[in-house]
Amino acid sequence: MKLISVKMPEALIEGMDELVKRGVYPSRSAVMRTAVRDLLKKELWK
C-alpha cells in the first residue's frame, strides 16, 4: 500500500476516532480505506 497525507476537519477525525473507539474499525486507516472504496464503488464502479 502507498502512504498518503490528508488534511480534514477536526469533526471528521473525531468521528473516525469514535468508530475506532467503538471497535467498528481497527484504525483510522481502515475507516479511510472503507470510505474511499465505497465512494469509488458509487461514483466509478457502478
PDB file of N, CA and C in Angstrom:
ATOM      1  N   MET A   1       0.844  -1.186   0.000  1.00  0.00           N
ATOM      2  CA  MET A   1       0.000   0.000   0.000  1.00  0.00           C
ATOM      3  C   MET A   1       0.879   1.235   0.000  1.00  0.00           C
ATOM      4  N   LYS A   2       0.356   2.302  -0.579  1.00  0.00           N
ATOM      5  CA  LYS A   2       1.051   3.586  -0.575  1.00  0.00           C
ATOM      6  C   LYS A   2       0.551   4.435   0.586  1.00  0.00           C
ATOM      7  N   LEU A   3       1.439   5.277   1.076  1.00  0.00           N
ATOM      8  CA  LEU A   3       1.105   6.207   2.147  1.00  0.00           C
ATOM      9  C   LEU A   3       0.711   7.542   1.532  1.00  0.00           C
ATOM     10  N   ILE A   4      -0.422   8.113   1.988  1.00  0.00           N
ATOM     11  CA  ILE A   4      -0.829   9.450   1.562  1.00  0.00           C
ATOM     12  C   ILE A   4      -1.113  10.291   2.802  1.00  0.00           C
ATOM     13  N   SER A   5      -1.013  11.608   2.645  1.00  0.00           N
ATOM     14  CA  SER A   5      -1.352  12.539   3.726  1.00  0.00           C
ATOM     15  C   SER A   5      -2.627  13.267   3.335  1.00  0.00           C
ATOM     16  N   VAL A   6      -3.518  13.443   4.296  1.00  0.00           N
ATOM     17  CA  VAL A   6      -4.801  14.078   4.027  1.00  0.00           C
ATOM     18  C   VAL A   6      -5.094  15.077   5.138  1.00  0.00           C
ATOM     19  N   LYS A   7      -5.523  16.273   4.751  1.00  0.00           N
ATOM     20  CA  LYS A   7      -5.999  17.252   5.730  1.00  0.00           C
ATOM     21  C   LYS A   7      -7.515  17.189   5.735  1.00  0.00           C
ATOM     22  N   MET A   8      -8.099  17.179   6.942  1.00  0.00           N
ATOM     23  CA  MET A   8      -9.552  17.152   7.041  1.00  0.00           C
ATOM     24  C   MET A   8      -9.996  17.851   8.319  1.00  0.00           C
ATOM     25  N   PRO A   9     -11.254  18.292   8.345  1.00  0.00           N
ATOM     26  CA  PRO A   9     -11.762  18.979   9.526  1.00  0.00           C
ATOM     27  C   PRO A   9     -11.701  18.091  10.773  1.00  0.00           C
ATOM     28  N   GLU A  10     -11.496  18.737  11.887  1.00  0.00           N
ATOM     29  CA  GLU A  10     -11.393  18.041  13.175  1.00  0.00           C
ATOM     30  C   GLU A  10     -12.619  17.176  13.447  1.00  0.00           C
ATOM     31  N   ALA A  11     -13.797  17.658  13.063  1.00  0.00           N
ATOM     32  CA  ALA A  11     -15.022  16.894  13.326  1.00  0.00           C
ATOM     33  C   ALA A  11     -14.998  15.536  12.633  1.00  0.00           C
ATOM     34  N   LEU A  12     -14.443  15.466  11.436  1.00  0.00           N
ATOM     35  CA  LEU A  12     -14.359  14.185  10.733  1.00  0.00           C
ATOM     36  C   LEU A  12     -13.372  13.250  11.423  1.00  0.00           C
ATOM     37  N   ILE A  13     -12.280  13.801  11.884  1.00  0.00           N
ATOM     38  CA  ILE A  13     -11.288  12.999  12.600  1.00  0.00           C
ATOM     39  C   ILE A  13     -11.891  12.459  13.894  1.00  0.00           C
ATOM     40  N   GLU A  14     -12.631  13.303  14.588  1.00  0.00           N
ATOM     41  CA  GLU A  14     -13.286  12.857  15.823  1.00  0.00           C
ATOM     42  C   GLU A  14     -14.280  11.738  15.534  1.00  0.00           C
ATOM     43  N   GLY A  15     -15.000  11.852  14.423  1.00  0.00           N
ATOM     44  CA  GLY A  15     -15.931  10.792  14.042  1.00  0.00           C
ATOM     45  C   GLY A  15     -15.215   9.484  13.761  1.00  0.00           C
ATOM     46  N   MET A  16     -14.094   9.566  13.051  1.00  0.00           N
ATOM     47  CA  MET A  16     -13.304   8.360  12.781  1.00  0.00           C
ATOM     48  C   MET A  16     -12.798   7.757  14.082  1.00  0.00           C
ATOM     49  N   ASP A  17     -12.307   8.604  14.970  1.00  0.00           N
ATOM     50  CA  ASP A  17     -11.801   8.121  16.260  1.00  0.00           C
ATOM     51  C   ASP A  17     -12.902   7.431  17.067  1.00  0.00           C
ATOM     52  N   GLU A  18     -14.114   7.935  16.978  1.00  0.00           N
ATOM     53  CA  GLU A  18     -15.233   7.315  17.691  1.00  0.00           C
ATOM     54  C   GLU A  18     -15.523   5.920  17.131  1.00  0.00           C
ATOM     55  N   LEU A  19     -15.461   5.776  15.814  1.00  0.00           N
ATOM     56  CA  LEU A  19     -15.666   4.454  15.209  1.00  0.00           C
ATOM     57  C   LEU A  19     -14.586   3.470  15.654  1.00  0.00           C
ATOM     58  N   VAL A  20     -13.359   3.957  15.759  1.00  0.00           N
ATOM     59  CA  VAL A  20     -12.257   3.108  16.231  1.00  0.00           C
ATOM     60  C   VAL A  20     -12.474   2.756  17.701  1.00  0.00           C
ATOM     61  N   LYS A  21     -12.851   3.751  18.501  1.00  0.00           N
ATOM     62  CA  LYS A  21     -13.080   3.528  19.936  1.00  0.00           C
ATOM     63  C   LYS A  21     -14.178   2.488  20.176  1.00  0.00           C
ATOM     64  N   ARG A  22     -15.220   2.516  19.336  1.00  0.00           N
ATOM     65  CA  ARG A  22     -16.334   1.567  19.474  1.00  0.00           C
ATOM     66  C   ARG A  22     -15.991   0.181  18.933  1.00  0.00           C
ATOM     67  N   GLY A  23     -14.846   0.073  18.299  1.00  0.00           N
ATOM     68  CA  GLY A  23     -14.432  -1.220  17.765  1.00  0.00           C
ATOM     69  C   GLY A  23     -15.015  -1.555  16.406  1.00  0.00           C
ATOM     70  N   VAL A  24     -15.629  -0.558  15.759  1.00  0.00           N
ATOM     71  CA  VAL A  24     -16.200  -0.782  14.429  1.00  0.00           C
ATOM     72  C   VAL A  24     -15.085  -0.999  13.409  1.00  0.00           C
ATOM     73  N   TYR A  25     -13.998  -0.255  13.562  1.00  0.00           N
ATOM     74  CA  TYR A  25     -12.813  -0.372  12.709  1.00  0.00           C
ATOM     75  C   TYR A  25     -11.585  -0.450  13.601  1.00  0.00           C
ATOM     76  N   PRO A  26     -10.531  -1.098  13.113  1.00  0.00           N
ATOM     77  CA  PRO A  26      -9.327  -1.223  13.936  1.00  0.00           C
ATOM     78  C   PRO A  26      -8.443   0.024  13.948  1.00  0.00           C
ATOM     79  N   SER A  27      -8.635   0.928  12.972  1.00  0.00           N
ATOM     80  CA  SER A  27      -7.758   2.100  12.871  1.00  0.00           C
ATOM     81  C   SER A  27      -8.403   3.175  12.003  1.00  0.00           C
ATOM     82  N   ARG A  28      -7.853   4.381  12.076  1.00  0.00           N
ATOM     83  CA  ARG A  28      -8.289   5.453  11.180  1.00  0.00           C
ATOM     84  C   ARG A  28      -8.066   5.058   9.726  1.00  0.00           C
ATOM     85  N   SER A  29      -6.954   4.405   9.470  1.00  0.00           N
ATOM     86  CA  SER A  29      -6.650   3.991   8.097  1.00  0.00           C
ATOM     87  C   SER A  29      -7.735   3.074   7.548  1.00  0.00           C
ATOM     88  N   ALA A  30      -8.219   2.170   8.368  1.00  0.00           N
ATOM     89  CA  ALA A  30      -9.278   1.262   7.929  1.00  0.00           C
ATOM     90  C   ALA A  30     -10.563   2.029   7.625  1.00  0.00           C
ATOM     91  N   VAL A  31     -10.869   3.035   8.440  1.00  0.00           N
ATOM     92  CA  VAL A  31     -12.042   3.877   8.189  1.00  0.00           C
ATOM     93  C   VAL A  31     -11.892   4.565   6.837  1.00  0.00           C
ATOM     94  N   MET A  32     -10.735   5.160   6.602  1.00  0.00           N
ATOM     95  CA  MET A  32     -10.497   5.883   5.348  1.00  0.00           C
ATOM     96  C   MET A  32     -10.552   4.953   4.140  1.00  0.00           C
ATOM     97  N   ARG A  33      -9.935   3.776   4.240  1.00  0.00           N
ATOM     98  CA  ARG A  33      -9.965   2.831   3.115  1.00  0.00           C
ATOM     99  C   ARG A  33     -11.398   2.448   2.767  1.00  0.00           C
ATOM    100  N   THR A  34     -12.205   2.181   3.791  1.00  0.00           N
ATOM    101  CA  THR A  34     -13.596   1.807   3.553  1.00  0.00           C
ATOM    102  C   THR A  34     -14.373   2.956   2.927  1.00  0.00           C
ATOM    103  N   ALA A  35     -14.184   4.159   3.445  1.00  0.00           N
ATOM    104  CA  ALA A  35     -14.907   5.320   2.927  1.00  0.00           C
ATOM    105  C   ALA A  35     -14.542   5.591   1.471  1.00  0.00           C
ATOM    106  N   VAL A  36     -13.266   5.537   1.147  1.00  0.00           N
ATOM    107  CA  VAL A  36     -12.827   5.797  -0.229  1.00  0.00           C
ATOM    108  C   VAL A  36     -13.313   4.683  -1.151  1.00  0.00           C
ATOM    109  N   ARG A  37     -13.197   3.433  -0.718  1.00  0.00           N
ATOM    110  CA  ARG A  37     -13.667   2.316  -1.538  1.00  0.00           C
ATOM    111  C   ARG A  37     -15.162   2.451  -1.828  1.00  0.00           C
ATOM    112  N   ASP A  38     -15.956   2.789  -0.806  1.00  0.00           N
ATOM    113  CA  ASP A  38     -17.396   2.935  -1.001  1.00  0.00           C
ATOM    114  C   ASP A  38     -17.711   4.082  -1.953  1.00  0.00           C
ATOM    115  N   LEU A  39     -16.980   5.183  -1.858  1.00  0.00           N
ATOM    116  CA  LEU A  39     -17.181   6.306  -2.771  1.00  0.00           C
ATOM    117  C   LEU A  39     -16.850   5.905  -4.203  1.00  0.00           C
ATOM    118  N   LEU A  40     -15.734   5.219  -4.392  1.00  0.00           N
ATOM    119  CA  LEU A  40     -15.347   4.792  -5.734  1.00  0.00           C
ATOM    120  C   LEU A  40     -16.353   3.801  -6.314  1.00  0.00           C
ATOM    121  N   LYS A  41     -16.854   2.897  -5.486  1.00  0.00           N
ATOM    122  CA  LYS A  41     -17.887   1.964  -5.953  1.00  0.00           C
ATOM    123  C   LYS A  41     -19.106   2.727  -6.453  1.00  0.00           C
ATOM    124  N   LYS A  42     -19.508   3.726  -5.686  1.00  0.00           N
ATOM    125  CA  LYS A  42     -20.701   4.500  -6.021  1.00  0.00           C
ATOM    126  C   LYS A  42     -20.490   5.355  -7.266  1.00  0.00           C
ATOM    127  N   GLU A  43     -19.358   6.016  -7.362  1.00  0.00           N
ATOM    128  CA  GLU A  43     -19.135   7.001  -8.419  1.00  0.00           C
ATOM    129  C   GLU A  43     -18.510   6.437  -9.693  1.00  0.00           C
ATOM    130  N   LEU A  44     -17.687   5.409  -9.569  1.00  0.00           N
ATOM    131  CA  LEU A  44     -16.947   4.926 -10.734  1.00  0.00           C
ATOM    132  C   LEU A  44     -17.282   3.506 -11.142  1.00  0.00           C
ATOM    133  N   TRP A  45     -17.484   2.651 -10.174  1.00  0.00           N
ATOM    134  CA  TRP A  45     -17.594   1.221 -10.457  1.00  0.00           C
ATOM    135  C   TRP A  45     -19.030   0.738 -10.347  1.00  0.00           C
ATOM    136  N   LYS A  46     -19.946   1.513 -10.836  1.00  0.00           N
ATOM    137  CA  LYS A  46     -21.382   1.246 -10.689  1.00  0.00           C
ATOM    138  C   LYS A  46     -21.788  -0.106 -11.171  1.00  0.00           C
TER     139      LYS A  46
END
